[in-house]
């Protein structure tokens, strides 16, 4: 296989404190990979400004004018990290590349692992997933919620490698296949692991964030998890059906017991407190099930409207 043209995708949102350093670091990395004969000279960076409110886009424009290998697109508003990733991958496909790597703008993910990604790609892998060695940089709460997310997704059928986020390499073939998936809320981690092409893994260390704060919080991670579950599994809906059956069976048995006690012992069973507790418990379960079904209905609603995934304001090629 000939040396590939590499596109490095960098989604950005309010990253004025680190975007300049990130671009300079990645350009230096490209230079080293070119020097070592790993990639072609026409490799480039593709930054996606996800509707930043600070000077992120101004800095990107300056970097583009200085080095044309810095290409970029700007959203008219904030559409979210997943949409920015998709826009970056689609933009790189349109510009032309043999493979694309997505990495966070804060460079907490070790950028030097990209060379290992290229090596796996040259061995025939179409998808190379980055797996972090540990979660030392995370808080205790984030560690627990991340572990629960991966375990839940795997139980529900979306086979996502533990400790893998969106640091990965994908081939041009994968980018072409992605165009066949028109869904507006495409869950990338699920898509790349179900597409069926040869997958490989590279382990890397996570560094402390160089500047600023992470844009991911509990709410955004919860939204991502719900999107993943409703996009790639109907197991929760089946769980609701089974739970409903057993609730109905339990109610029937309690009714039979009440009738028997009334007929044979002329006694109406006591237990008002128990009745109230059961009503509250079952009422809570019903509301939970309705909310779960509502998530699926909402997913269908968003897809049926067929609104664009994102809208670009400016693109620098």
Protein backbone atom coordinates (compact mmCIF):
# COMPACT_ATOMS: atom_id res chain seq x y z
CA UNK A 1 0.00 0.00 0.00
CA UNK A 2 1.28 3.50 -0.85
CA UNK A 3 1.73 6.17 1.80
CA UNK A 4 -1.70 7.57 2.77
CA UNK A 5 -3.00 11.12 2.80
CA UNK A 6 -4.00 11.75 6.42
CA UNK A 7 -6.68 14.17 7.62
CA UNK A 8 -6.71 15.03 11.33
CA UNK A 9 -10.18 16.10 12.52
CA UNK A 10 -10.32 18.49 15.49
CA UNK A 11 -13.75 19.61 16.80
CA UNK A 12 -13.50 22.89 18.72
CA UNK A 13 -15.87 24.73 21.03
CA UNK A 14 -14.61 27.78 22.93
CA UNK A 15 -11.00 26.62 22.71
CA UNK A 16 -9.22 29.98 22.31
CA UNK A 17 -6.79 29.10 25.11
CA UNK A 18 -5.41 25.98 23.45
CA UNK A 19 -6.31 25.87 19.73
CA UNK A 20 -3.12 27.65 18.59
CA UNK A 21 -0.87 25.30 20.57
CA UNK A 22 -2.89 22.30 19.40
CA UNK A 23 -2.57 23.22 15.72
CA UNK A 24 1.16 23.90 16.02
CA UNK A 25 1.67 20.56 17.79
CA UNK A 26 -0.31 18.62 15.19
CA UNK A 27 1.43 20.36 12.26
CA UNK A 28 4.78 19.42 13.80
CA UNK A 29 3.50 15.85 14.11
CA UNK A 30 2.50 15.82 10.43
CA UNK A 31 5.97 17.09 9.50
CA UNK A 32 7.60 14.26 11.46
CA UNK A 33 5.30 11.64 9.94
CA UNK A 34 6.09 12.97 6.44
CA UNK A 35 9.82 12.99 7.23
CA UNK A 36 9.61 9.38 8.45
CA UNK A 37 7.79 8.31 5.29
CA UNK A 38 4.54 7.46 7.07
CA UNK A 39 2.17 9.83 5.25
CA UNK A 40 2.03 12.00 2.12
CA UNK A 41 2.88 15.69 1.99
CA UNK A 42 -0.70 16.67 1.16
CA UNK A 43 -1.93 15.55 4.60
CA UNK A 44 -3.76 18.25 6.55
CA UNK A 45 -5.75 19.33 9.60
CA UNK A 46 -9.51 19.92 9.48
CA UNK A 47 -10.89 21.93 12.38
CA UNK A 48 -14.62 22.33 13.03
CA UNK A 49 -15.67 25.33 15.11
CA UNK A 50 -18.89 24.24 16.79
CA UNK A 51 -20.35 27.74 17.17
CA UNK A 52 -17.73 29.09 19.59
CA UNK A 53 -18.47 32.37 21.39
CA UNK A 54 -14.84 33.29 22.01
CA UNK A 55 -11.90 33.98 19.65
CA UNK A 56 -11.54 30.38 18.49
CA UNK A 57 -12.54 31.07 14.87
CA UNK A 58 -10.43 34.22 14.65
CA UNK A 59 -7.37 32.21 15.72
CA UNK A 60 -8.21 29.41 13.26
CA UNK A 61 -8.42 31.91 10.39
CA UNK A 62 -5.00 33.31 11.31
CA UNK A 63 -3.52 29.80 11.40
CA UNK A 64 -5.12 28.99 8.02
CA UNK A 65 -3.63 32.11 6.43
CA UNK A 66 -0.23 31.12 7.80
CA UNK A 67 -0.39 27.46 6.70
CA UNK A 68 -2.88 26.19 4.11
CA UNK A 69 -2.69 22.71 5.62
CA UNK A 70 -5.00 24.11 8.29
CA UNK A 71 -8.48 23.74 6.84
CA UNK A 72 -11.63 24.48 8.78
CA UNK A 73 -15.39 24.90 8.89
CA UNK A 74 -17.55 27.01 11.19
CA UNK A 75 -21.10 26.23 12.31
CA UNK A 76 -23.66 29.03 12.50
CA UNK A 77 -24.41 27.87 16.07
CA UNK A 78 -23.50 25.13 18.51
CA UNK A 79 -24.73 21.74 17.25
CA UNK A 80 -22.77 19.50 19.64
CA UNK A 81 -19.54 17.51 19.61
CA UNK A 82 -20.93 14.52 17.69
CA UNK A 83 -22.23 16.74 14.88
CA UNK A 84 -18.85 18.50 14.73
CA UNK A 85 -17.11 15.13 14.41
CA UNK A 86 -19.46 14.06 11.63
CA UNK A 87 -18.94 17.38 9.82
CA UNK A 88 -15.19 16.93 10.09
CA UNK A 89 -15.28 13.40 8.71
CA UNK A 90 -17.60 14.39 5.86
CA UNK A 91 -15.50 17.47 5.11
CA UNK A 92 -12.31 15.40 4.96
CA UNK A 93 -14.02 12.92 2.65
CA UNK A 94 -15.05 15.74 0.31
CA UNK A 95 -11.56 17.28 0.33
CA UNK A 96 -9.96 13.88 -0.23
CA UNK A 97 -7.99 11.63 2.10
CA UNK A 98 -7.05 7.97 2.51
CA UNK A 99 -7.70 7.96 6.25
CA UNK A 100 -8.85 10.36 8.95
CA UNK A 101 -8.07 10.61 12.66
CA UNK A 102 -10.34 12.45 15.10
CA UNK A 103 -8.81 13.94 18.26
CA UNK A 104 -9.96 16.37 20.96
CA UNK A 105 -8.86 20.00 20.75
CA UNK A 106 -7.28 19.93 24.22
CA UNK A 107 -4.86 17.15 23.16
CA UNK A 108 -5.43 15.18 26.34
CA UNK A 109 -5.29 12.16 24.07
CA UNK A 110 -1.66 11.41 23.23
CA UNK A 111 -1.18 12.73 19.70
CA UNK A 112 1.95 10.58 19.27
CA UNK A 113 -0.31 7.51 19.13
CA UNK A 114 -1.38 8.67 15.64
CA UNK A 115 1.80 7.08 14.24
CA UNK A 116 0.68 3.75 15.74
CA UNK A 117 -2.75 4.29 14.16
CA UNK A 118 -1.07 4.73 10.77
CA UNK A 119 0.94 1.53 11.29
CA UNK A 120 -2.25 -0.45 12.00
CA UNK A 121 -3.94 1.13 8.98
CA UNK A 122 -1.04 0.10 6.76
CA UNK A 123 -1.47 -3.47 8.05
CA UNK A 124 -5.01 -3.48 6.67
CA UNK A 125 -7.23 -2.13 9.48
CA UNK A 126 -10.10 0.10 8.33
CA UNK A 127 -10.89 1.27 11.87
CA UNK A 128 -8.27 1.81 14.56
CA UNK A 129 -9.80 2.61 17.96
CA UNK A 130 -7.80 4.41 20.62
CA UNK A 131 -8.13 2.79 24.07
CA UNK A 132 -6.96 4.81 27.06
CA UNK A 133 -4.70 2.92 29.48
CA UNK A 134 -6.35 4.31 32.61
CA UNK A 135 -8.71 6.99 33.89
CA UNK A 136 -6.34 8.69 36.36
CA UNK A 137 -7.24 12.15 35.05
CA UNK A 138 -10.98 11.62 35.69
CA UNK A 139 -12.87 12.36 38.88
CA UNK A 140 -14.30 9.45 40.88
CA UNK A 141 -17.82 10.31 39.70
CA UNK A 142 -16.76 10.38 36.04
CA UNK A 143 -14.96 7.05 36.39
CA UNK A 144 -18.08 5.40 37.82
CA UNK A 145 -20.46 6.89 35.26
CA UNK A 146 -18.10 5.98 32.39
CA UNK A 147 -17.89 2.37 33.62
CA UNK A 148 -21.68 2.20 33.91
CA UNK A 149 -22.07 3.65 30.39
CA UNK A 150 -19.83 1.05 28.73
CA UNK A 151 -21.31 -1.86 30.68
CA UNK A 152 -24.88 -0.72 29.93
CA UNK A 153 -24.17 -0.26 26.21
CA UNK A 154 -22.62 -3.72 25.95
CA UNK A 155 -25.51 -5.36 27.85
CA UNK A 156 -27.97 -3.66 25.49
CA UNK A 157 -26.16 -4.88 22.39
CA UNK A 158 -23.99 -1.94 21.28
CA UNK A 159 -20.53 -3.52 21.55
CA UNK A 160 -18.32 -0.55 22.44
CA UNK A 161 -14.78 -1.24 23.71
CA UNK A 162 -14.34 0.00 27.30
CA UNK A 163 -12.37 3.25 27.69
CA UNK A 164 -12.78 4.17 24.01
CA UNK A 165 -14.10 7.61 23.15
CA UNK A 166 -13.76 9.35 19.79
CA UNK A 167 -10.00 9.07 19.30
CA UNK A 168 -9.79 6.79 16.28
CA UNK A 169 -8.60 6.38 12.71
CA UNK A 170 -11.00 5.43 9.93
CA UNK A 171 -10.26 4.63 6.30
CA UNK A 172 -11.76 6.22 3.19
CA UNK A 173 -13.86 3.07 2.81
CA UNK A 174 -15.47 3.71 6.20
CA UNK A 175 -16.16 7.35 5.28
CA UNK A 176 -17.89 6.19 2.10
CA UNK A 177 -20.04 3.73 4.07
CA UNK A 178 -20.95 6.47 6.56
CA UNK A 179 -22.62 8.35 3.69
CA UNK A 180 -25.13 5.48 3.47
CA UNK A 181 -26.36 6.25 7.00
CA UNK A 182 -28.72 9.24 6.64
CA UNK A 183 -29.89 9.32 10.26
CA UNK A 184 -29.56 12.77 11.79
CA UNK A 185 -28.49 11.59 15.24
CA UNK A 186 -25.89 9.04 14.17
CA UNK A 187 -24.16 7.55 17.22
CA UNK A 188 -20.57 7.29 15.98
CA UNK A 189 -19.22 4.90 18.59
CA UNK A 190 -21.98 2.45 17.81
CA UNK A 191 -21.70 2.92 14.04
CA UNK A 192 -17.95 2.28 13.85
CA UNK A 193 -18.26 -0.87 15.93
CA UNK A 194 -21.15 -2.36 13.95
CA UNK A 195 -20.02 -1.55 10.42
CA UNK A 196 -18.22 -4.89 10.16
CA UNK A 197 -14.84 -3.86 8.72
CA UNK A 198 -11.48 -4.90 10.13
CA UNK A 199 -10.91 -3.23 13.49
CA UNK A 200 -7.71 -2.76 15.46
CA UNK A 201 -6.82 -1.17 18.79
CA UNK A 202 -4.07 1.15 20.00
CA UNK A 203 -3.56 1.95 23.69
CA UNK A 204 -2.50 5.43 24.78
CA UNK A 205 -2.04 7.56 27.87
CA UNK A 206 -4.24 10.54 28.73
CA UNK A 207 -2.53 13.82 29.61
CA UNK A 208 -3.83 16.65 31.82
CA UNK A 209 -5.76 19.29 29.89
CA UNK A 210 -3.37 22.06 28.76
CA UNK A 211 -5.82 24.93 29.31
CA UNK A 212 -9.48 25.73 29.85
CA UNK A 213 -12.15 23.34 31.05
CA UNK A 214 -13.77 20.28 29.55
CA UNK A 215 -16.99 21.03 27.66
CA UNK A 216 -18.44 17.66 28.61
CA UNK A 217 -20.55 17.58 31.75
CA UNK A 218 -22.94 15.08 33.30
CA UNK A 219 -25.91 16.32 31.25
CA UNK A 220 -24.09 16.15 27.89
CA UNK A 221 -22.75 12.68 28.69
CA UNK A 222 -26.25 11.54 29.69
CA UNK A 223 -27.67 12.86 26.41
CA UNK A 224 -24.93 10.99 24.52
CA UNK A 225 -25.71 7.79 26.43
CA UNK A 226 -29.46 8.05 25.78
CA UNK A 227 -28.84 8.70 22.09
CA UNK A 228 -26.59 5.64 21.93
CA UNK A 229 -29.09 3.40 23.69
CA UNK A 230 -32.10 4.49 21.63
CA UNK A 231 -30.10 4.39 18.37
CA UNK A 232 -28.63 0.91 18.72
CA UNK A 233 -30.87 -1.17 20.94
CA UNK A 234 -34.54 -2.06 21.41
CA UNK A 235 -33.75 -4.11 24.53
CA UNK A 236 -35.19 -1.43 26.86
CA UNK A 237 -38.52 -1.59 25.02
CA UNK A 238 -38.58 -5.37 25.43
CA UNK A 239 -37.74 -4.89 29.09
CA UNK A 240 -40.77 -2.60 29.43
CA UNK A 241 -43.00 -5.27 27.83
CA UNK A 242 -41.70 -8.01 30.15
CA UNK A 243 -41.98 -5.76 33.21
CA UNK A 244 -45.55 -4.87 32.25
CA UNK A 245 -46.44 -8.56 31.96
CA UNK A 246 -45.09 -9.36 35.44
CA UNK A 247 -46.78 -6.32 36.96
CA UNK A 248 -50.09 -7.45 35.48
CA UNK A 249 -49.48 -11.02 36.72
CA UNK A 250 -48.71 -9.76 40.21
CA UNK A 251 -51.87 -7.65 40.23
CA UNK A 252 -53.94 -10.65 39.10
CA UNK A 253 -52.52 -12.87 41.87
CA UNK A 254 -53.18 -10.23 44.52
CA UNK A 255 -56.75 -9.93 43.23
CA UNK A 256 -57.26 -13.71 43.42
CA UNK A 257 -55.94 -13.74 47.00
CA UNK A 258 -58.34 -10.96 47.99
CA UNK A 259 -61.36 -12.79 46.50
CA UNK A 260 -60.42 -16.08 48.20
CA UNK A 261 -60.02 -14.42 51.61
CA UNK A 262 -63.37 -12.68 51.19
CA UNK A 263 -65.28 -15.83 50.13
CA UNK A 264 -63.80 -18.41 52.50
CA UNK A 265 -62.80 -16.36 55.54
CA UNK A 266 -65.16 -13.40 55.11
CA UNK A 267 -62.25 -11.17 55.71
CA UNK A 268 -61.04 -8.17 53.78
CA UNK A 269 -57.24 -8.12 54.08
CA UNK A 270 -55.71 -5.24 55.99
CA UNK A 271 -52.74 -3.31 54.69
CA UNK A 272 -53.56 0.22 53.66
CA UNK A 273 -49.91 1.18 54.09
CA UNK A 274 -48.87 -1.69 51.84
CA UNK A 275 -51.44 -0.65 49.26
CA UNK A 276 -50.17 2.92 49.23
CA UNK A 277 -46.56 1.78 48.91
CA UNK A 278 -47.42 -0.57 46.05
CA UNK A 279 -49.36 2.18 44.27
CA UNK A 280 -46.38 4.54 44.57
CA UNK A 281 -43.90 1.91 43.42
CA UNK A 282 -45.97 0.77 40.46
CA UNK A 283 -46.86 4.36 39.58
CA UNK A 284 -43.15 5.22 39.55
CA UNK A 285 -42.37 2.20 37.37
CA UNK A 286 -45.11 3.18 34.93
CA UNK A 287 -43.80 6.75 34.68
CA UNK A 288 -40.27 5.43 34.15
CA UNK A 289 -41.50 3.15 31.36
CA UNK A 290 -43.45 5.99 29.75
CA UNK A 291 -40.33 8.16 29.87
CA UNK A 292 -38.28 5.38 28.27
CA UNK A 293 -40.82 4.90 25.50
CA UNK A 294 -40.88 8.68 25.12
CA UNK A 295 -37.14 8.68 24.41
CA UNK A 296 -37.69 6.29 21.50
CA UNK A 297 -40.66 8.30 20.24
CA UNK A 298 -38.55 11.46 20.48
CA UNK A 299 -35.77 9.77 18.49
CA UNK A 300 -38.26 8.86 15.76
CA UNK A 301 -39.72 12.40 15.87
CA UNK A 302 -36.30 14.00 15.34
CA UNK A 303 -35.46 11.66 12.46
CA UNK A 304 -38.83 12.12 10.73
CA UNK A 305 -38.40 15.91 10.65
CA UNK A 306 -35.19 15.30 8.66
CA UNK A 307 -33.58 18.57 9.66
CA UNK A 308 -29.90 18.96 8.66
CA UNK A 309 -27.32 17.57 11.05
CA UNK A 310 -25.52 20.91 11.00
CA UNK A 311 -25.28 24.15 9.02
CA UNK A 312 -21.90 25.56 8.03
CA UNK A 313 -21.37 29.31 8.07
CA UNK A 314 -17.85 29.49 6.64
CA UNK A 315 -15.42 26.90 5.26
CA UNK A 316 -11.70 27.35 4.72
CA UNK A 317 -10.16 24.93 2.20
